[in-house]
């Protein structure tokens, strides 16, 4: 199973690298529109990720959410192989470069608890299981959050798999949003 997951990650990353800038922009716009429809009445704290190459960029959506009275938190790898922390973020937050995987992080550590967590994904299945980069950060984090927030996987429709062959530690998402639409998990 480990080898299968590794091969799927490699295949999905290669597939994502083939997307043009225009395709990425179009997918991002559609995903943000689907998220706006889903979360139109949400005024709580939305947690999001800083996008790696090929991932849907949620920053425009988050900035709009804040403008409507909500707040936001950025997922941060504060310590390797530990749950993520969510640090307060807005468009004026000073950022520092050089975090894990060179992901920018807020200069000030202000830990907050999110109401909704938006999770990047490489692959996903209809049961809401996600195939990520393999570090286990989101699974550890979601398992530790109690009560659990609404969890929304965000990615590209091309990442849809029949199954990811979930393992015992895999925490399913409540909803997946891609450029093709939004889908609640089936148990």
N, C-alpha and C. Protein backbone atom coordinates (compact mmCIF):
# COMPACT_ATOMS: atom_id res chain seq x y z
N UNK A 1 0.82 -1.19 0.00
CA UNK A 1 0.00 0.00 0.00
C UNK A 1 0.87 1.26 0.00
N UNK A 2 1.94 1.22 0.76
CA UNK A 2 2.84 2.39 0.80
C UNK A 2 3.38 2.71 -0.59
N UNK A 3 3.76 1.68 -1.34
CA UNK A 3 4.27 1.89 -2.69
C UNK A 3 3.19 2.44 -3.61
N UNK A 4 1.97 1.91 -3.50
CA UNK A 4 0.86 2.39 -4.32
C UNK A 4 0.62 3.88 -4.06
N UNK A 5 0.60 4.27 -2.79
CA UNK A 5 0.38 5.68 -2.44
C UNK A 5 1.51 6.55 -3.00
N UNK A 6 2.74 6.08 -2.88
CA UNK A 6 3.87 6.83 -3.40
C UNK A 6 3.73 7.03 -4.90
N UNK A 7 3.35 5.98 -5.61
CA UNK A 7 3.17 6.07 -7.06
C UNK A 7 2.03 7.02 -7.42
N UNK A 8 0.94 6.97 -6.67
CA UNK A 8 -0.18 7.88 -6.92
C UNK A 8 0.22 9.33 -6.68
N UNK A 9 0.95 9.57 -5.62
CA UNK A 9 1.42 10.94 -5.34
C UNK A 9 2.28 11.45 -6.50
N UNK A 10 3.20 10.62 -6.94
CA UNK A 10 4.08 11.02 -8.04
C UNK A 10 3.27 11.29 -9.30
N UNK A 11 2.32 10.43 -9.61
CA UNK A 11 1.49 10.59 -10.80
C UNK A 11 0.66 11.87 -10.71
N UNK A 12 0.03 12.10 -9.54
CA UNK A 12 -0.82 13.27 -9.37
C UNK A 12 -0.02 14.57 -9.37
N UNK A 13 1.18 14.54 -8.78
CA UNK A 13 2.04 15.73 -8.83
C UNK A 13 2.47 16.03 -10.27
N UNK A 14 2.82 14.99 -11.03
CA UNK A 14 3.22 15.19 -12.43
C UNK A 14 2.04 15.74 -13.23
N UNK A 15 0.87 15.21 -12.98
CA UNK A 15 -0.34 15.68 -13.66
C UNK A 15 -0.60 17.14 -13.33
N UNK A 16 -0.42 17.51 -12.08
CA UNK A 16 -0.64 18.89 -11.66
C UNK A 16 0.39 19.83 -12.29
N UNK A 17 1.62 19.37 -12.43
CA UNK A 17 2.67 20.20 -13.06
C UNK A 17 2.36 20.49 -14.52
N UNK A 18 1.55 19.65 -15.14
CA UNK A 18 1.19 19.85 -16.54
C UNK A 18 0.11 20.91 -16.74
N UNK A 19 -0.54 21.34 -15.67
CA UNK A 19 -1.56 22.38 -15.79
C UNK A 19 -0.90 23.70 -16.16
N UNK A 20 -1.50 24.40 -17.09
CA UNK A 20 -0.98 25.71 -17.49
C UNK A 20 -1.36 26.75 -16.44
N UNK A 21 -0.72 27.90 -16.49
CA UNK A 21 -1.08 29.00 -15.59
C UNK A 21 -2.54 29.39 -15.77
N UNK A 22 -3.01 29.39 -17.02
CA UNK A 22 -4.41 29.72 -17.29
C UNK A 22 -5.34 28.68 -16.68
N UNK A 23 -5.02 27.41 -16.80
CA UNK A 23 -5.84 26.35 -16.20
C UNK A 23 -5.87 26.49 -14.68
N UNK A 24 -4.71 26.75 -14.09
CA UNK A 24 -4.65 26.93 -12.64
C UNK A 24 -5.51 28.12 -12.21
N UNK A 25 -5.42 29.21 -12.95
CA UNK A 25 -6.21 30.40 -12.62
C UNK A 25 -7.71 30.11 -12.76
N UNK A 26 -8.10 29.41 -13.82
CA UNK A 26 -9.51 29.08 -14.03
C UNK A 26 -10.01 28.14 -12.94
N UNK A 27 -9.22 27.11 -12.62
CA UNK A 27 -9.61 26.19 -11.55
C UNK A 27 -9.75 26.94 -10.23
N UNK A 28 -8.80 27.80 -9.94
CA UNK A 28 -8.84 28.56 -8.69
C UNK A 28 -10.08 29.43 -8.60
N UNK A 29 -10.42 30.09 -9.68
CA UNK A 29 -11.60 30.94 -9.69
C UNK A 29 -12.87 30.12 -9.44
N UNK A 30 -12.97 28.98 -10.09
CA UNK A 30 -14.15 28.12 -9.91
C UNK A 30 -14.22 27.57 -8.49
N UNK A 31 -13.09 27.13 -7.96
CA UNK A 31 -13.07 26.60 -6.58
C UNK A 31 -13.49 27.68 -5.60
N UNK A 32 -12.96 28.88 -5.76
CA UNK A 32 -13.30 29.97 -4.84
C UNK A 32 -14.80 30.31 -4.92
N UNK A 33 -15.37 30.21 -6.12
CA UNK A 33 -16.81 30.46 -6.28
C UNK A 33 -17.63 29.37 -5.57
N UNK A 34 -17.21 28.11 -5.70
CA UNK A 34 -17.91 27.01 -5.00
C UNK A 34 -17.78 27.16 -3.48
N UNK A 35 -16.62 27.57 -3.03
CA UNK A 35 -16.43 27.79 -1.59
C UNK A 35 -17.32 28.94 -1.10
N UNK A 36 -17.41 30.00 -1.89
CA UNK A 36 -18.26 31.13 -1.51
C UNK A 36 -19.71 30.69 -1.40
N UNK A 37 -20.16 29.84 -2.31
CA UNK A 37 -21.53 29.33 -2.23
C UNK A 37 -21.72 28.47 -0.99
N UNK A 38 -20.77 27.63 -0.70
CA UNK A 38 -20.86 26.73 0.45
C UNK A 38 -20.80 27.48 1.78
N UNK A 39 -19.95 28.48 1.84
CA UNK A 39 -19.68 29.17 3.11
C UNK A 39 -20.27 30.58 3.15
N UNK A 40 -21.29 30.84 2.36
CA UNK A 40 -21.83 32.19 2.23
C UNK A 40 -22.28 32.80 3.55
N UNK A 41 -22.72 32.01 4.49
CA UNK A 41 -23.18 32.55 5.78
C UNK A 41 -22.16 32.37 6.90
N UNK A 42 -21.00 31.85 6.58
CA UNK A 42 -19.97 31.59 7.58
C UNK A 42 -19.22 32.88 7.89
N UNK A 43 -19.19 33.26 9.13
CA UNK A 43 -18.45 34.46 9.55
C UNK A 43 -17.38 34.12 10.58
N UNK A 44 -17.15 32.83 10.79
CA UNK A 44 -16.16 32.40 11.76
C UNK A 44 -14.75 32.45 11.22
N UNK A 45 -13.88 31.69 11.86
CA UNK A 45 -12.46 31.67 11.49
C UNK A 45 -12.20 30.53 10.51
N UNK A 46 -11.73 30.89 9.33
CA UNK A 46 -11.39 29.92 8.31
C UNK A 46 -9.89 29.67 8.32
N UNK A 47 -9.50 28.42 8.44
CA UNK A 47 -8.09 28.05 8.34
C UNK A 47 -7.80 27.63 6.91
N UNK A 48 -6.68 28.07 6.40
CA UNK A 48 -6.29 27.75 5.03
C UNK A 48 -4.80 27.44 5.00
N UNK A 49 -4.31 27.09 3.82
CA UNK A 49 -2.92 26.72 3.62
C UNK A 49 -2.27 27.72 2.67
N UNK A 50 -0.96 27.90 2.81
CA UNK A 50 -0.21 28.69 1.86
C UNK A 50 0.05 27.78 0.66
N UNK A 51 -0.33 28.19 -0.56
CA UNK A 51 -0.29 27.25 -1.68
C UNK A 51 1.12 26.89 -2.15
N UNK A 52 1.31 25.59 -2.33
CA UNK A 52 2.51 25.10 -3.01
C UNK A 52 2.24 25.17 -4.51
N UNK A 53 3.26 25.07 -5.35
CA UNK A 53 3.03 25.12 -6.80
C UNK A 53 1.96 24.11 -7.24
N UNK A 54 0.99 24.60 -8.00
CA UNK A 54 -0.07 23.76 -8.52
C UNK A 54 -1.28 23.64 -7.62
N UNK A 55 -1.18 24.08 -6.38
CA UNK A 55 -2.34 24.03 -5.48
C UNK A 55 -3.24 25.24 -5.72
N UNK A 56 -4.51 25.06 -5.42
CA UNK A 56 -5.46 26.16 -5.56
C UNK A 56 -5.12 27.23 -4.52
N UNK A 57 -4.98 28.46 -4.98
CA UNK A 57 -4.65 29.59 -4.12
C UNK A 57 -5.94 30.15 -3.50
N UNK A 58 -6.08 30.00 -2.21
CA UNK A 58 -7.28 30.46 -1.51
C UNK A 58 -7.15 31.87 -0.95
N UNK A 59 -6.00 32.49 -1.09
CA UNK A 59 -5.82 33.81 -0.48
C UNK A 59 -6.85 34.84 -0.93
N UNK A 60 -7.21 34.94 -2.21
CA UNK A 60 -8.25 35.91 -2.58
C UNK A 60 -9.59 35.64 -1.88
N UNK A 61 -9.93 34.38 -1.74
CA UNK A 61 -11.17 34.01 -1.04
C UNK A 61 -11.10 34.39 0.44
N UNK A 62 -9.96 34.14 1.05
CA UNK A 62 -9.77 34.46 2.47
C UNK A 62 -9.83 35.97 2.69
N UNK A 63 -9.21 36.73 1.84
CA UNK A 63 -9.24 38.20 1.96
C UNK A 63 -10.67 38.71 1.86
N UNK A 64 -11.44 38.15 0.95
CA UNK A 64 -12.85 38.52 0.82
C UNK A 64 -13.65 38.13 2.07
N UNK A 65 -13.36 36.96 2.60
CA UNK A 65 -14.03 36.51 3.83
C UNK A 65 -13.76 37.48 4.99
N UNK A 66 -12.53 37.91 5.12
CA UNK A 66 -12.16 38.86 6.18
C UNK A 66 -12.88 40.19 5.96
N UNK A 67 -12.96 40.63 4.71
CA UNK A 67 -13.64 41.89 4.40
C UNK A 67 -15.13 41.84 4.78
N UNK A 68 -15.71 40.65 4.79
CA UNK A 68 -17.12 40.48 5.15
C UNK A 68 -17.31 40.25 6.65
N UNK A 69 -16.25 40.38 7.44
CA UNK A 69 -16.37 40.28 8.89
C UNK A 69 -15.86 38.99 9.49
N UNK A 70 -15.33 38.10 8.69
CA UNK A 70 -14.78 36.86 9.22
C UNK A 70 -13.33 37.04 9.62
N UNK A 71 -12.71 35.95 10.04
CA UNK A 71 -11.29 35.99 10.35
C UNK A 71 -10.64 34.74 9.77
N UNK A 72 -9.31 34.72 9.80
CA UNK A 72 -8.59 33.63 9.14
C UNK A 72 -7.39 33.20 9.95
N UNK A 73 -6.97 31.97 9.66
CA UNK A 73 -5.78 31.40 10.28
C UNK A 73 -5.02 30.62 9.22
N UNK A 74 -3.73 30.70 9.29
CA UNK A 74 -2.87 29.99 8.35
C UNK A 74 -2.33 28.73 9.03
N UNK A 75 -2.39 27.59 8.33
CA UNK A 75 -1.82 26.35 8.85
C UNK A 75 -0.30 26.47 8.85
N UNK A 76 0.31 26.15 9.99
CA UNK A 76 1.76 26.29 10.15
C UNK A 76 2.34 25.01 10.72
N UNK A 77 3.42 24.54 10.11
CA UNK A 77 4.17 23.42 10.67
C UNK A 77 5.13 24.04 11.68
N UNK A 78 4.73 24.03 12.94
CA UNK A 78 5.56 24.63 13.99
C UNK A 78 6.66 23.68 14.43
N UNK A 79 6.35 22.37 14.44
CA UNK A 79 7.31 21.35 14.82
C UNK A 79 7.11 20.14 13.91
N UNK A 80 8.20 19.62 13.41
CA UNK A 80 8.11 18.45 12.52
C UNK A 80 7.43 17.29 13.25
N UNK A 81 6.62 16.57 12.46
CA UNK A 81 5.92 15.36 12.91
C UNK A 81 4.99 15.59 14.10
N UNK A 82 4.49 16.81 14.23
CA UNK A 82 3.51 17.16 15.25
C UNK A 82 2.29 17.75 14.54
N UNK A 83 1.15 17.85 15.24
CA UNK A 83 0.00 18.50 14.60
C UNK A 83 0.35 19.93 14.16
N UNK A 84 -0.32 20.38 13.13
CA UNK A 84 -0.18 21.76 12.68
C UNK A 84 -0.70 22.71 13.74
N UNK A 85 -0.26 23.93 13.69
CA UNK A 85 -0.86 24.99 14.48
C UNK A 85 -1.53 25.94 13.49
N UNK A 86 -2.55 26.66 13.93
CA UNK A 86 -3.22 27.65 13.10
C UNK A 86 -2.93 29.01 13.70
N UNK A 87 -2.25 29.86 12.92
CA UNK A 87 -1.83 31.17 13.39
C UNK A 87 -2.68 32.23 12.70
N UNK A 88 -3.09 33.21 13.48
CA UNK A 88 -3.89 34.32 12.96
C UNK A 88 -3.21 34.89 11.71
N UNK A 89 -4.04 35.21 10.70
CA UNK A 89 -3.53 35.77 9.45
C UNK A 89 -4.54 36.74 8.87
N UNK A 90 -4.04 37.84 8.30
CA UNK A 90 -4.83 38.70 7.43
C UNK A 90 -3.87 39.27 6.39
N UNK A 91 -4.38 40.03 5.46
CA UNK A 91 -3.57 40.50 4.34
C UNK A 91 -2.41 41.39 4.76
N UNK A 92 -2.44 41.92 5.98
CA UNK A 92 -1.36 42.79 6.44
C UNK A 92 -0.36 42.07 7.35
N UNK A 93 -0.58 40.78 7.59
CA UNK A 93 0.29 40.02 8.48
C UNK A 93 1.71 39.94 7.92
N UNK A 94 2.71 40.40 8.66
CA UNK A 94 4.09 40.24 8.21
C UNK A 94 4.43 38.75 8.13
N UNK A 95 5.08 38.37 7.05
CA UNK A 95 5.41 36.96 6.83
C UNK A 95 6.92 36.76 6.84
N UNK A 96 7.32 35.55 7.25
CA UNK A 96 8.72 35.17 7.23
C UNK A 96 8.88 34.00 6.26
N UNK A 97 9.95 34.02 5.51
CA UNK A 97 10.24 32.93 4.58
C UNK A 97 11.05 31.86 5.29
N UNK A 98 11.11 30.69 4.65
CA UNK A 98 12.03 29.67 5.13
C UNK A 98 11.45 28.66 6.10
N UNK A 99 10.15 28.56 6.21
CA UNK A 99 9.56 27.52 7.04
C UNK A 99 9.80 26.15 6.42
N UNK A 100 9.18 25.11 7.00
CA UNK A 100 9.28 23.78 6.42
C UNK A 100 8.78 23.84 4.99
N UNK A 101 9.50 23.21 4.08
CA UNK A 101 9.20 23.22 2.64
C UNK A 101 9.19 24.65 2.08
N UNK A 102 9.88 25.58 2.74
CA UNK A 102 9.94 26.98 2.31
C UNK A 102 8.57 27.64 2.24
N UNK A 103 7.66 27.22 3.09
CA UNK A 103 6.33 27.81 3.15
C UNK A 103 6.40 29.04 4.06
N UNK A 104 6.01 30.22 3.58
CA UNK A 104 6.02 31.41 4.43
C UNK A 104 5.09 31.23 5.64
N UNK A 105 5.49 31.80 6.76
CA UNK A 105 4.68 31.75 7.98
C UNK A 105 4.56 33.16 8.55
N UNK A 106 3.49 33.40 9.29
CA UNK A 106 3.39 34.71 9.96
C UNK A 106 4.60 34.94 10.87
N UNK A 107 5.06 36.18 10.92
CA UNK A 107 6.21 36.51 11.76
C UNK A 107 5.90 36.35 13.24
N UNK A 108 4.63 36.53 13.60
CA UNK A 108 4.21 36.42 15.00
C UNK A 108 3.35 35.18 15.20
N UNK A 109 3.70 34.39 16.21
CA UNK A 109 2.93 33.18 16.53
C UNK A 109 1.73 33.57 17.39
N UNK A 110 0.55 33.59 16.77
CA UNK A 110 -0.71 33.87 17.48
C UNK A 110 -1.65 32.70 17.18
N UNK A 111 -1.58 31.66 18.00
CA UNK A 111 -2.35 30.43 17.78
C UNK A 111 -3.83 30.68 18.02
N UNK A 112 -4.66 30.20 17.09
CA UNK A 112 -6.11 30.34 17.19
C UNK A 112 -6.74 29.00 16.83
N UNK A 113 -8.01 28.86 17.17
CA UNK A 113 -8.77 27.64 16.86
C UNK A 113 -9.73 27.95 15.71
N UNK A 114 -9.66 27.20 14.62
CA UNK A 114 -10.53 27.47 13.46
C UNK A 114 -11.90 26.82 13.59
N UNK A 115 -12.87 27.41 12.90
CA UNK A 115 -14.21 26.83 12.78
C UNK A 115 -14.29 25.93 11.55
N UNK A 116 -13.53 26.29 10.53
CA UNK A 116 -13.48 25.56 9.27
C UNK A 116 -12.01 25.41 8.90
N UNK A 117 -11.63 24.20 8.47
CA UNK A 117 -10.26 23.96 8.02
C UNK A 117 -10.31 23.54 6.55
N UNK A 118 -9.63 24.30 5.70
CA UNK A 118 -9.52 23.97 4.29
C UNK A 118 -8.16 23.33 4.06
N UNK A 119 -8.18 22.13 3.51
CA UNK A 119 -7.02 21.26 3.41
C UNK A 119 -6.66 21.03 1.94
N UNK A 120 -5.40 21.21 1.57
CA UNK A 120 -5.02 20.91 0.19
C UNK A 120 -4.97 19.40 -0.02
N UNK A 121 -5.26 18.98 -1.23
CA UNK A 121 -5.19 17.54 -1.50
C UNK A 121 -4.63 17.28 -2.88
N UNK A 122 -3.94 16.16 -2.99
CA UNK A 122 -3.50 15.67 -4.29
C UNK A 122 -4.57 14.76 -4.87
N UNK A 123 -5.05 13.84 -4.05
CA UNK A 123 -6.06 12.89 -4.47
C UNK A 123 -7.14 12.79 -3.41
N UNK A 124 -8.29 12.25 -3.81
CA UNK A 124 -9.40 12.11 -2.87
C UNK A 124 -10.35 11.04 -3.41
N UNK A 125 -11.19 10.52 -2.51
CA UNK A 125 -12.21 9.56 -2.94
C UNK A 125 -13.58 10.01 -2.45
N UNK A 126 -14.62 9.31 -2.85
CA UNK A 126 -15.99 9.73 -2.54
C UNK A 126 -16.32 9.63 -1.05
N UNK A 127 -15.49 8.90 -0.30
CA UNK A 127 -15.71 8.77 1.14
C UNK A 127 -15.04 9.90 1.91
N UNK A 128 -14.46 10.85 1.19
CA UNK A 128 -13.85 12.00 1.85
C UNK A 128 -12.43 11.78 2.31
N UNK A 129 -11.82 10.68 1.92
CA UNK A 129 -10.43 10.46 2.29
C UNK A 129 -9.52 11.18 1.32
N UNK A 130 -8.41 11.63 1.84
CA UNK A 130 -7.51 12.49 1.09
C UNK A 130 -6.14 11.86 0.98
N UNK A 131 -5.53 12.06 -0.17
CA UNK A 131 -4.14 11.70 -0.38
C UNK A 131 -3.38 13.02 -0.49
N UNK A 132 -2.52 13.27 0.49
CA UNK A 132 -1.72 14.49 0.49
C UNK A 132 -0.28 14.18 0.12
N UNK A 133 0.62 14.99 0.61
CA UNK A 133 2.04 14.82 0.28
C UNK A 133 2.70 13.71 1.09
N UNK A 134 2.03 13.20 2.10
CA UNK A 134 2.56 12.06 2.84
C UNK A 134 3.20 12.37 4.17
N UNK A 135 3.18 13.62 4.59
CA UNK A 135 3.78 13.96 5.87
C UNK A 135 2.90 13.66 7.07
N UNK A 136 1.60 13.47 6.85
CA UNK A 136 0.69 13.14 7.94
C UNK A 136 0.27 14.32 8.80
N UNK A 137 0.66 15.53 8.43
CA UNK A 137 0.37 16.69 9.27
C UNK A 137 -1.12 16.94 9.45
N UNK A 138 -1.87 16.88 8.37
CA UNK A 138 -3.31 17.15 8.50
C UNK A 138 -4.02 16.04 9.25
N UNK A 139 -3.66 14.79 9.02
CA UNK A 139 -4.31 13.70 9.77
C UNK A 139 -4.04 13.85 11.27
N UNK A 140 -2.80 14.13 11.65
CA UNK A 140 -2.49 14.33 13.08
C UNK A 140 -3.28 15.51 13.64
N UNK A 141 -3.36 16.58 12.86
CA UNK A 141 -4.03 17.79 13.32
C UNK A 141 -5.52 17.56 13.48
N UNK A 142 -6.16 17.01 12.48
CA UNK A 142 -7.61 16.80 12.53
C UNK A 142 -7.99 15.82 13.63
N UNK A 143 -7.15 14.82 13.86
CA UNK A 143 -7.42 13.87 14.94
C UNK A 143 -7.33 14.54 16.31
N UNK A 144 -6.49 15.58 16.43
CA UNK A 144 -6.28 16.25 17.72
C UNK A 144 -7.31 17.33 18.01
N UNK A 145 -7.99 17.85 17.00
CA UNK A 145 -8.95 18.94 17.21
C UNK A 145 -10.26 18.40 17.77
N UNK A 146 -10.64 18.91 18.91
CA UNK A 146 -11.88 18.47 19.55
C UNK A 146 -12.54 19.68 20.21
N UNK A 147 -13.76 20.04 19.83
CA UNK A 147 -14.54 19.37 18.79
C UNK A 147 -13.94 19.65 17.43
N UNK A 148 -14.23 18.77 16.52
CA UNK A 148 -13.67 18.90 15.17
C UNK A 148 -14.36 19.98 14.37
N UNK A 149 -13.60 20.74 13.61
CA UNK A 149 -14.17 21.76 12.72
C UNK A 149 -14.75 21.12 11.46
N UNK A 150 -15.44 21.90 10.67
CA UNK A 150 -15.82 21.48 9.33
C UNK A 150 -14.53 21.39 8.52
N UNK A 151 -14.32 20.26 7.84
CA UNK A 151 -13.08 20.05 7.08
C UNK A 151 -13.42 19.97 5.60
N UNK A 152 -12.80 20.87 4.84
CA UNK A 152 -13.04 20.95 3.40
C UNK A 152 -11.74 20.68 2.65
N UNK A 153 -11.73 19.63 1.85
CA UNK A 153 -10.60 19.34 0.99
C UNK A 153 -10.69 20.19 -0.26
N UNK A 154 -9.57 20.75 -0.69
CA UNK A 154 -9.54 21.62 -1.86
C UNK A 154 -8.49 21.10 -2.83
N UNK A 155 -8.90 20.89 -4.07
CA UNK A 155 -7.96 20.39 -5.06
C UNK A 155 -8.52 20.44 -6.46
N UNK A 156 -7.94 19.63 -7.32
CA UNK A 156 -8.33 19.57 -8.72
C UNK A 156 -9.12 18.29 -8.96
N UNK A 157 -10.12 18.37 -9.81
CA UNK A 157 -10.97 17.22 -10.11
C UNK A 157 -10.16 16.04 -10.64
N UNK A 158 -9.07 16.30 -11.31
CA UNK A 158 -8.22 15.23 -11.83
C UNK A 158 -7.63 14.35 -10.73
N UNK A 159 -7.71 14.81 -9.47
CA UNK A 159 -7.22 14.04 -8.34
C UNK A 159 -8.21 13.01 -7.81
N UNK A 160 -9.39 12.93 -8.42
CA UNK A 160 -10.40 11.97 -7.96
C UNK A 160 -9.92 10.54 -8.22
N UNK A 161 -9.99 9.72 -7.17
CA UNK A 161 -9.61 8.31 -7.25
C UNK A 161 -10.80 7.46 -6.81
N UNK A 162 -10.84 6.24 -7.26
CA UNK A 162 -11.89 5.31 -6.81
C UNK A 162 -11.79 5.13 -5.29
N UNK A 163 -10.57 4.96 -4.82
CA UNK A 163 -10.31 4.88 -3.38
C UNK A 163 -8.86 5.30 -3.16
N UNK A 164 -8.57 5.77 -1.97
CA UNK A 164 -7.17 6.02 -1.63
C UNK A 164 -6.65 4.87 -0.76
N UNK A 165 -7.49 3.85 -0.57
CA UNK A 165 -7.17 2.75 0.32
C UNK A 165 -6.81 3.31 1.70
N UNK A 166 -7.81 3.92 2.36
CA UNK A 166 -7.53 4.61 3.62
C UNK A 166 -6.92 3.69 4.68
N UNK A 167 -6.02 4.29 5.43
CA UNK A 167 -5.38 3.60 6.54
C UNK A 167 -6.08 4.01 7.83
N UNK A 168 -5.77 3.36 8.90
CA UNK A 168 -6.43 3.62 10.18
C UNK A 168 -6.27 5.08 10.63
N UNK A 169 -5.15 5.70 10.30
CA UNK A 169 -4.88 7.07 10.75
C UNK A 169 -5.52 8.14 9.86
N UNK A 170 -6.06 7.77 8.69
CA UNK A 170 -6.63 8.75 7.77
C UNK A 170 -7.94 9.32 8.31
N UNK A 171 -8.02 10.63 8.39
CA UNK A 171 -9.21 11.33 8.88
C UNK A 171 -9.97 11.86 7.66
N UNK A 172 -11.23 11.44 7.46
CA UNK A 172 -11.97 11.90 6.29
C UNK A 172 -12.39 13.36 6.38
N UNK A 173 -12.52 13.97 5.22
CA UNK A 173 -13.01 15.35 5.13
C UNK A 173 -14.53 15.32 5.05
N UNK A 174 -15.15 16.42 5.42
CA UNK A 174 -16.60 16.52 5.33
C UNK A 174 -17.06 16.83 3.92
N UNK A 175 -16.22 17.53 3.19
CA UNK A 175 -16.60 18.07 1.89
C UNK A 175 -15.34 18.18 1.04
N UNK A 176 -15.48 17.96 -0.27
CA UNK A 176 -14.39 18.19 -1.22
C UNK A 176 -14.87 19.23 -2.22
N UNK A 177 -14.02 20.20 -2.51
CA UNK A 177 -14.33 21.23 -3.50
C UNK A 177 -13.23 21.22 -4.55
N UNK A 178 -13.67 21.10 -5.80
CA UNK A 178 -12.77 21.19 -6.95
C UNK A 178 -13.39 22.16 -7.95
N UNK A 179 -12.73 22.35 -9.07
CA UNK A 179 -13.28 23.22 -10.10
C UNK A 179 -14.61 22.68 -10.63
N UNK A 180 -14.85 21.37 -10.48
CA UNK A 180 -16.09 20.76 -11.00
C UNK A 180 -17.27 20.94 -10.04
N UNK A 181 -17.02 21.31 -8.79
CA UNK A 181 -18.13 21.50 -7.85
C UNK A 181 -17.73 21.11 -6.44
N UNK A 182 -18.74 20.88 -5.63
CA UNK A 182 -18.51 20.48 -4.24
C UNK A 182 -19.30 19.20 -3.97
N UNK A 183 -18.71 18.38 -3.13
CA UNK A 183 -19.29 17.07 -2.88
C UNK A 183 -19.10 16.68 -1.42
N UNK A 184 -20.20 16.38 -0.76
CA UNK A 184 -20.15 15.87 0.62
C UNK A 184 -19.73 14.42 0.57
N UNK A 185 -19.02 13.99 1.60
CA UNK A 185 -18.56 12.61 1.61
C UNK A 185 -19.73 11.65 1.79
N UNK A 186 -19.55 10.47 1.25
CA UNK A 186 -20.49 9.40 1.50
C UNK A 186 -19.81 8.45 2.48
N UNK A 187 -20.49 8.09 3.50
CA UNK A 187 -19.86 7.23 4.52
C UNK A 187 -19.80 5.88 3.99
